[in-house]
PDB file of N, CA and C in Angstrom:
ATOM      1  N   UNK A   1     131.731 130.713 162.208  1.00  0.00           N
ATOM      2  CA  UNK A   1     132.959 130.934 161.475  1.00  0.00           C
ATOM      3  C   UNK A   1     133.393 132.388 161.601  1.00  0.00           C
ATOM      4  N   UNK A   2     132.456 133.324 161.518  1.00  0.00           N
ATOM      5  CA  UNK A   2     132.819 134.735 161.589  1.00  0.00           C
ATOM      6  C   UNK A   2     133.367 135.110 162.963  1.00  0.00           C
ATOM      7  N   UNK A   3     132.904 134.444 164.004  1.00  0.00           N
ATOM      8  CA  UNK A   3     133.420 134.713 165.342  1.00  0.00           C
ATOM      9  C   UNK A   3     134.884 134.283 165.448  1.00  0.00           C
ATOM     10  N   UNK A   4     135.246 133.201 164.787  1.00  0.00           N
ATOM     11  CA  UNK A   4     136.612 132.688 164.832  1.00  0.00           C
ATOM     12  C   UNK A   4     137.542 133.404 163.861  1.00  0.00           C
ATOM     13  N   UNK A   5     136.988 133.849 162.737  1.00  0.00           N
ATOM     14  CA  UNK A   5     137.799 134.505 161.701  1.00  0.00           C
ATOM     15  C   UNK A   5     137.082 135.769 161.240  1.00  0.00           C
ATOM     16  N   UNK A   6     137.186 136.857 161.985  1.00  0.00           N
ATOM     17  CA  UNK A   6     136.433 138.067 161.667  1.00  0.00           C
ATOM     18  C   UNK A   6     136.773 138.675 160.308  1.00  0.00           C
ATOM     19  N   UNK A   7     137.943 138.392 159.771  1.00  0.00           N
ATOM     20  CA  UNK A   7     138.314 138.933 158.465  1.00  0.00           C
ATOM     21  C   UNK A   7     138.147 137.892 157.363  1.00  0.00           C
ATOM     22  N   UNK A   8     137.255 136.951 157.553  1.00  0.00           N
ATOM     23  CA  UNK A   8     137.055 135.874 156.577  1.00  0.00           C
ATOM     24  C   UNK A   8     136.657 136.445 155.220  1.00  0.00           C
ATOM     25  N   UNK A   9     137.168 135.821 154.178  1.00  0.00           N
ATOM     26  CA  UNK A   9     136.753 136.142 152.811  1.00  0.00           C
ATOM     27  C   UNK A   9     136.060 134.896 152.280  1.00  0.00           C
ATOM     28  N   UNK A  10     134.756 134.949 152.237  1.00  0.00           N
ATOM     29  CA  UNK A  10     133.944 133.795 151.851  1.00  0.00           C
ATOM     30  C   UNK A  10     133.620 133.890 150.364  1.00  0.00           C
ATOM     31  N   UNK A  11     133.866 132.806 149.640  1.00  0.00           N
ATOM     32  CA  UNK A  11     133.522 132.738 148.225  1.00  0.00           C
ATOM     33  C   UNK A  11     132.512 131.610 148.058  1.00  0.00           C
ATOM     34  N   UNK A  12     131.344 131.947 147.528  1.00  0.00           N
ATOM     35  CA  UNK A  12     130.291 130.969 147.275  1.00  0.00           C
ATOM     36  C   UNK A  12     130.356 130.636 145.785  1.00  0.00           C
ATOM     37  N   UNK A  13     130.842 129.441 145.462  1.00  0.00           N
ATOM     38  CA  UNK A  13     131.001 129.017 144.062  1.00  0.00           C
ATOM     39  C   UNK A  13     129.710 128.365 143.588  1.00  0.00           C
ATOM     40  N   UNK A  14     129.023 129.039 142.676  1.00  0.00           N
ATOM     41  CA  UNK A  14     127.751 128.527 142.147  1.00  0.00           C
ATOM     42  C   UNK A  14     127.875 128.113 140.683  1.00  0.00           C
ATOM     43  N   UNK A  15     129.089 127.815 140.247  1.00  0.00           N
ATOM     44  CA  UNK A  15     129.322 127.500 138.832  1.00  0.00           C
ATOM     45  C   UNK A  15     128.589 126.249 138.366  1.00  0.00           C
ATOM     46  N   UNK A  16     128.279 125.331 139.247  1.00  0.00           N
ATOM     47  CA  UNK A  16     127.570 124.114 138.853  1.00  0.00           C
ATOM     48  C   UNK A  16     126.064 124.206 139.017  1.00  0.00           C
ATOM     49  N   UNK A  17     125.579 125.362 139.441  1.00  0.00           N
ATOM     50  CA  UNK A  17     124.150 125.498 139.713  1.00  0.00           C
ATOM     51  C   UNK A  17     123.333 125.535 138.418  1.00  0.00           C
ATOM     52  N   UNK A  18     122.285 124.740 138.394  1.00  0.00           N
ATOM     53  CA  UNK A  18     121.391 124.727 137.235  1.00  0.00           C
ATOM     54  C   UNK A  18     119.957 125.088 137.622  1.00  0.00           C
ATOM     55  N   UNK A  19     119.679 125.151 138.916  1.00  0.00           N
ATOM     56  CA  UNK A  19     118.328 125.451 139.396  1.00  0.00           C
ATOM     57  C   UNK A  19     118.439 126.030 140.797  1.00  0.00           C
ATOM     58  N   UNK A  20     117.545 126.955 141.150  1.00  0.00           N
ATOM     59  CA  UNK A  20     117.435 127.376 142.537  1.00  0.00           C
ATOM     60  C   UNK A  20     115.995 127.708 142.833  1.00  0.00           C
ATOM     61  N   UNK A  21     115.650 127.571 144.085  1.00  0.00           N
ATOM     62  CA  UNK A  21     114.300 127.891 144.520  1.00  0.00           C
ATOM     63  C   UNK A  21     114.392 128.945 145.612  1.00  0.00           C
ATOM     64  N   UNK A  22     113.275 129.249 146.223  1.00  0.00           N
ATOM     65  CA  UNK A  22     113.258 130.303 147.236  1.00  0.00           C
ATOM     66  C   UNK A  22     114.134 129.970 148.437  1.00  0.00           C
ATOM     67  N   UNK A  23     114.292 128.705 148.762  1.00  0.00           N
ATOM     68  CA  UNK A  23     115.141 128.323 149.899  1.00  0.00           C
ATOM     69  C   UNK A  23     116.614 128.637 149.614  1.00  0.00           C
ATOM     70  N   UNK A  24     117.060 128.349 148.416  1.00  0.00           N
ATOM     71  CA  UNK A  24     118.442 128.656 148.051  1.00  0.00           C
ATOM     72  C   UNK A  24     118.691 130.153 148.033  1.00  0.00           C
ATOM     73  N   UNK A  25     117.747 130.891 147.487  1.00  0.00           N
ATOM     74  CA  UNK A  25     117.860 132.345 147.462  1.00  0.00           C
ATOM     75  C   UNK A  25     117.877 132.902 148.884  1.00  0.00           C
ATOM     76  N   UNK A  26     116.995 132.395 149.740  1.00  0.00           N
ATOM     77  CA  UNK A  26     116.938 132.855 151.135  1.00  0.00           C
ATOM     78  C   UNK A  26     118.255 132.568 151.853  1.00  0.00           C
ATOM     79  N   UNK A  27     118.856 131.421 151.600  1.00  0.00           N
ATOM     80  CA  UNK A  27     120.132 131.076 152.234  1.00  0.00           C
ATOM     81  C   UNK A  27     121.231 132.035 151.783  1.00  0.00           C
ATOM     82  N   UNK A  28     121.269 132.362 150.503  1.00  0.00           N
ATOM     83  CA  UNK A  28     122.278 133.273 149.980  1.00  0.00           C
ATOM     84  C   UNK A  28     122.088 134.675 150.555  1.00  0.00           C
ATOM     85  N   UNK A  29     120.861 135.146 150.586  1.00  0.00           N
ATOM     86  CA  UNK A  29     120.568 136.473 151.141  1.00  0.00           C
ATOM     87  C   UNK A  29     120.914 136.519 152.629  1.00  0.00           C
ATOM     88  N   UNK A  30     120.560 135.474 153.365  1.00  0.00           N
ATOM     89  CA  UNK A  30     120.877 135.428 154.802  1.00  0.00           C
ATOM     90  C   UNK A  30     122.379 135.459 155.038  1.00  0.00           C
ATOM     91  N   UNK A  31     123.124 134.692 154.250  1.00  0.00           N
ATOM     92  CA  UNK A  31     124.581 134.686 154.385  1.00  0.00           C
ATOM     93  C   UNK A  31     125.152 136.072 154.104  1.00  0.00           C
ATOM     94  N   UNK A  32     124.650 136.718 153.059  1.00  0.00           N
ATOM     95  CA  UNK A  32     125.120 138.066 152.714  1.00  0.00           C
ATOM     96  C   UNK A  32     124.840 139.034 153.857  1.00  0.00           C
ATOM     97  N   UNK A  33     123.671 138.974 154.429  1.00  0.00           N
ATOM     98  CA  UNK A  33     123.309 139.874 155.522  1.00  0.00           C
ATOM     99  C   UNK A  33     124.177 139.636 156.753  1.00  0.00           C
ATOM    100  N   UNK A  34     124.446 138.383 157.079  1.00  0.00           N
ATOM    101  CA  UNK A  34     125.303 138.071 158.232  1.00  0.00           C
ATOM    102  C   UNK A  34     126.721 138.602 158.034  1.00  0.00           C
ATOM    103  N   UNK A  35     127.243 138.424 156.850  1.00  0.00           N
ATOM    104  CA  UNK A  35     128.602 138.880 156.576  1.00  0.00           C
ATOM    105  C   UNK A  35     128.663 140.408 156.542  1.00  0.00           C
ATOM    106  N   UNK A  36     127.670 141.037 155.954  1.00  0.00           N
ATOM    107  CA  UNK A  36     127.628 142.498 155.907  1.00  0.00           C
ATOM    108  C   UNK A  36     127.598 143.092 157.313  1.00  0.00           C
ATOM    109  N   UNK A  37     126.950 142.407 158.227  1.00  0.00           N
ATOM    110  CA  UNK A  37     126.856 142.876 159.610  1.00  0.00           C
ATOM    111  C   UNK A  37     128.121 142.595 160.412  1.00  0.00           C
ATOM    112  N   UNK A  38     129.106 141.921 159.828  1.00  0.00           N
ATOM    113  CA  UNK A  38     130.315 141.533 160.551  1.00  0.00           C
ATOM    114  C   UNK A  38     131.584 141.955 159.817  1.00  0.00           C
ATOM    115  N   UNK A  39     131.751 143.260 159.566  1.00  0.00           N
ATOM    116  CA  UNK A  39     132.980 143.671 158.898  1.00  0.00           C
ATOM    117  C   UNK A  39     134.185 143.332 159.772  1.00  0.00           C
ATOM    118  N   UNK A  40     135.317 143.028 159.223  1.00  0.00           N
ATOM    119  CA  UNK A  40     135.723 143.207 157.838  1.00  0.00           C
ATOM    120  C   UNK A  40     135.504 141.982 156.955  1.00  0.00           C
ATOM    121  N   UNK A  41     134.723 141.025 157.393  1.00  0.00           N
ATOM    122  CA  UNK A  41     134.448 139.840 156.568  1.00  0.00           C
ATOM    123  C   UNK A  41     133.796 140.253 155.249  1.00  0.00           C
ATOM    124  N   UNK A  42     134.037 139.446 154.216  1.00  0.00           N
ATOM    125  CA  UNK A  42     133.424 139.689 152.912  1.00  0.00           C
ATOM    126  C   UNK A  42     132.867 138.387 152.361  1.00  0.00           C
ATOM    127  N   UNK A  43     131.918 138.520 151.465  1.00  0.00           N
ATOM    128  CA  UNK A  43     131.365 137.365 150.761  1.00  0.00           C
ATOM    129  C   UNK A  43     131.264 137.730 149.288  1.00  0.00           C
ATOM    130  N   UNK A  44     131.682 136.798 148.447  1.00  0.00           N
ATOM    131  CA  UNK A  44     131.664 136.981 147.001  1.00  0.00           C
ATOM    132  C   UNK A  44     130.964 135.788 146.377  1.00  0.00           C
ATOM    133  N   UNK A  45     130.114 136.064 145.396  1.00  0.00           N
ATOM    134  CA  UNK A  45     129.440 135.007 144.648  1.00  0.00           C
ATOM    135  C   UNK A  45     130.241 134.779 143.374  1.00  0.00           C
ATOM    136  N   UNK A  46     130.636 133.538 143.152  1.00  0.00           N
ATOM    137  CA  UNK A  46     131.464 133.189 142.015  1.00  0.00           C
ATOM    138  C   UNK A  46     130.736 132.194 141.114  1.00  0.00           C
ATOM    139  N   UNK A  47     130.948 132.344 139.799  1.00  0.00           N
ATOM    140  CA  UNK A  47     130.444 131.368 138.844  1.00  0.00           C
ATOM    141  C   UNK A  47     128.943 131.360 138.673  1.00  0.00           C
ATOM    142  N   UNK A  48     128.278 132.432 139.058  1.00  0.00           N
ATOM    143  CA  UNK A  48     126.823 132.482 138.939  1.00  0.00           C
ATOM    144  C   UNK A  48     126.436 132.622 137.471  1.00  0.00           C
ATOM    145  N   UNK A  49     125.667 131.688 136.933  1.00  0.00           N
ATOM    146  CA  UNK A  49     125.235 131.815 135.542  1.00  0.00           C
ATOM    147  C   UNK A  49     124.498 133.137 135.320  1.00  0.00           C
ATOM    148  N   UNK A  50     124.713 133.744 134.167  1.00  0.00           N
ATOM    149  CA  UNK A  50     124.166 135.067 133.874  1.00  0.00           C
ATOM    150  C   UNK A  50     122.652 135.161 134.103  1.00  0.00           C
ATOM    151  N   UNK A  51     121.900 134.148 133.724  1.00  0.00           N
ATOM    152  CA  UNK A  51     120.442 134.200 133.900  1.00  0.00           C
ATOM    153  C   UNK A  51     120.072 134.325 135.378  1.00  0.00           C
ATOM    154  N   UNK A  52     120.759 133.598 136.229  1.00  0.00           N
ATOM    155  CA  UNK A  52     120.495 133.678 137.665  1.00  0.00           C
ATOM    156  C   UNK A  52     120.976 135.013 138.224  1.00  0.00           C
ATOM    157  N   UNK A  53     122.086 135.477 137.721  1.00  0.00           N
ATOM    158  CA  UNK A  53     122.615 136.750 138.196  1.00  0.00           C
ATOM    159  C   UNK A  53     121.671 137.900 137.875  1.00  0.00           C
ATOM    160  N   UNK A  54     121.110 137.900 136.688  1.00  0.00           N
ATOM    161  CA  UNK A  54     120.154 138.957 136.329  1.00  0.00           C
ATOM    162  C   UNK A  54     118.956 138.934 137.274  1.00  0.00           C
ATOM    163  N   UNK A  55     118.472 137.741 137.590  1.00  0.00           N
ATOM    164  CA  UNK A  55     117.347 137.635 138.525  1.00  0.00           C
ATOM    165  C   UNK A  55     117.723 138.153 139.907  1.00  0.00           C
ATOM    166  N   UNK A  56     118.900 137.792 140.359  1.00  0.00           N
ATOM    167  CA  UNK A  56     119.361 138.229 141.675  1.00  0.00           C
ATOM    168  C   UNK A  56     119.517 139.747 141.710  1.00  0.00           C
ATOM    169  N   UNK A  57     120.097 140.330 140.673  1.00  0.00           N
ATOM    170  CA  UNK A  57     120.276 141.776 140.610  1.00  0.00           C
ATOM    171  C   UNK A  57     118.939 142.516 140.570  1.00  0.00           C
ATOM    172  N   UNK A  58     117.942 141.926 139.936  1.00  0.00           N
ATOM    173  CA  UNK A  58     116.628 142.570 139.861  1.00  0.00           C
ATOM    174  C   UNK A  58     115.962 142.674 141.228  1.00  0.00           C
ATOM    175  N   UNK A  59     116.312 141.776 142.134  1.00  0.00           N
ATOM    176  CA  UNK A  59     115.747 141.855 143.472  1.00  0.00           C
ATOM    177  C   UNK A  59     116.170 143.146 144.152  1.00  0.00           C
ATOM    178  N   UNK A  60     117.439 143.487 143.990  1.00  0.00           N
ATOM    179  CA  UNK A  60     117.952 144.764 144.415  1.00  0.00           C
ATOM    180  C   UNK A  60     117.952 145.070 145.905  1.00  0.00           C
ATOM    181  N   UNK A  61     117.466 144.199 146.756  1.00  0.00           N
ATOM    182  CA  UNK A  61     117.412 144.535 148.167  1.00  0.00           C
ATOM    183  C   UNK A  61     118.681 144.172 148.924  1.00  0.00           C
ATOM    184  N   UNK A  62     119.541 143.360 148.353  1.00  0.00           N
ATOM    185  CA  UNK A  62     120.817 143.010 148.972  1.00  0.00           C
ATOM    186  C   UNK A  62     121.896 143.108 147.900  1.00  0.00           C
ATOM    187  N   UNK A  63     122.888 143.986 148.078  1.00  0.00           N
ATOM    188  CA  UNK A  63     123.950 144.066 147.070  1.00  0.00           C
ATOM    189  C   UNK A  63     124.921 142.900 147.204  1.00  0.00           C
ATOM    190  N   UNK A  64     125.269 142.297 146.087  1.00  0.00           N
ATOM    191  CA  UNK A  64     126.208 141.174 146.067  1.00  0.00           C
ATOM    192  C   UNK A  64     127.464 141.569 145.317  1.00  0.00           C
ATOM    193  N   UNK A  65     128.584 141.036 145.753  1.00  0.00           N
ATOM    194  CA  UNK A  65     129.839 141.158 145.016  1.00  0.00           C
ATOM    195  C   UNK A  65     129.996 139.881 144.205  1.00  0.00           C
ATOM    196  N   UNK A  66     130.431 140.020 142.961  1.00  0.00           N
ATOM    197  CA  UNK A  66     130.601 138.874 142.078  1.00  0.00           C
ATOM    198  C   UNK A  66     132.050 138.766 141.643  1.00  0.00           C
ATOM    199  N   UNK A  67     132.482 137.558 141.380  1.00  0.00           N
ATOM    200  CA  UNK A  67     133.750 137.351 140.695  1.00  0.00           C
ATOM    201  C   UNK A  67     133.462 136.426 139.530  1.00  0.00           C
ATOM    202  N   UNK A  68     134.351 136.469 138.544  1.00  0.00           N
ATOM    203  CA  UNK A  68     134.153 135.608 137.389  1.00  0.00           C
ATOM    204  C   UNK A  68     133.260 136.229 136.343  1.00  0.00           C
ATOM    205  N   UNK A  69     133.230 137.578 136.276  1.00  0.00           N
ATOM    206  CA  UNK A  69     132.475 138.244 135.224  1.00  0.00           C
ATOM    207  C   UNK A  69     133.020 137.845 133.858  1.00  0.00           C
ATOM    208  N   UNK A  70     132.243 138.144 132.827  1.00  0.00           N
ATOM    209  CA  UNK A  70     132.667 137.816 131.469  1.00  0.00           C
ATOM    210  C   UNK A  70     134.027 138.418 131.130  1.00  0.00           C
ATOM    211  N   UNK A  71     134.327 139.610 131.691  1.00  0.00           N
ATOM    212  CA  UNK A  71     135.610 140.234 131.401  1.00  0.00           C
ATOM    213  C   UNK A  71     136.691 139.814 132.383  1.00  0.00           C
ATOM    214  N   UNK A  72     136.342 138.924 133.328  1.00  0.00           N
ATOM    215  CA  UNK A  72     137.315 138.387 134.252  1.00  0.00           C
ATOM    216  C   UNK A  72     137.606 139.257 135.458  1.00  0.00           C
ATOM    217  N   UNK A  73     136.948 140.418 135.554  1.00  0.00           N
ATOM    218  CA  UNK A  73     137.193 141.308 136.689  1.00  0.00           C
ATOM    219  C   UNK A  73     136.157 141.086 137.777  1.00  0.00           C
ATOM    220  N   UNK A  74     136.578 141.310 139.003  1.00  0.00           N
ATOM    221  CA  UNK A  74     135.664 141.214 140.135  1.00  0.00           C
ATOM    222  C   UNK A  74     134.838 142.487 140.183  1.00  0.00           C
ATOM    223  N   UNK A  75     133.557 142.360 140.507  1.00  0.00           N
ATOM    224  CA  UNK A  75     132.672 143.509 140.574  1.00  0.00           C
ATOM    225  C   UNK A  75     132.243 143.709 142.007  1.00  0.00           C
ATOM    226  N   UNK A  76     132.316 144.963 142.461  1.00  0.00           N
ATOM    227  CA  UNK A  76     131.874 145.296 143.802  1.00  0.00           C
ATOM    228  C   UNK A  76     130.349 145.432 143.801  1.00  0.00           C
ATOM    229  N   UNK A  77     129.735 145.276 144.964  1.00  0.00           N
ATOM    230  CA  UNK A  77     128.293 145.427 145.027  1.00  0.00           C
ATOM    231  C   UNK A  77     127.887 146.851 144.701  1.00  0.00           C
ATOM    232  N   UNK A  78     126.700 147.036 144.106  1.00  0.00           N
ATOM    233  CA  UNK A  78     126.248 148.387 143.767  1.00  0.00           C
ATOM    234  C   UNK A  78     125.981 149.200 145.028  1.00  0.00           C
ATOM    235  N   UNK A  79     126.082 150.548 144.864  1.00  0.00           N
ATOM    236  CA  UNK A  79     125.716 151.461 145.952  1.00  0.00           C
ATOM    237  C   UNK A  79     126.788 151.584 146.905  1.00  0.00           C
TER     238      UNK A  79
END
């Protein structure tokens, strides 16, 4: 997809997620790394439940952009 649309804006909607395991986390991290390596494409995680988001942020090795924060504003990845 990135080869065909280099400026793709990918939104991963996780609003219905109630469980994830290491495979789901690995897929999300891999997608983030691929998109980061292919600017100007972007990837945003949307609807991530707060408990999962805190866990993801604690990993800290891959910065994620989120949309759908409690205040309704989009947040850029840290750093």
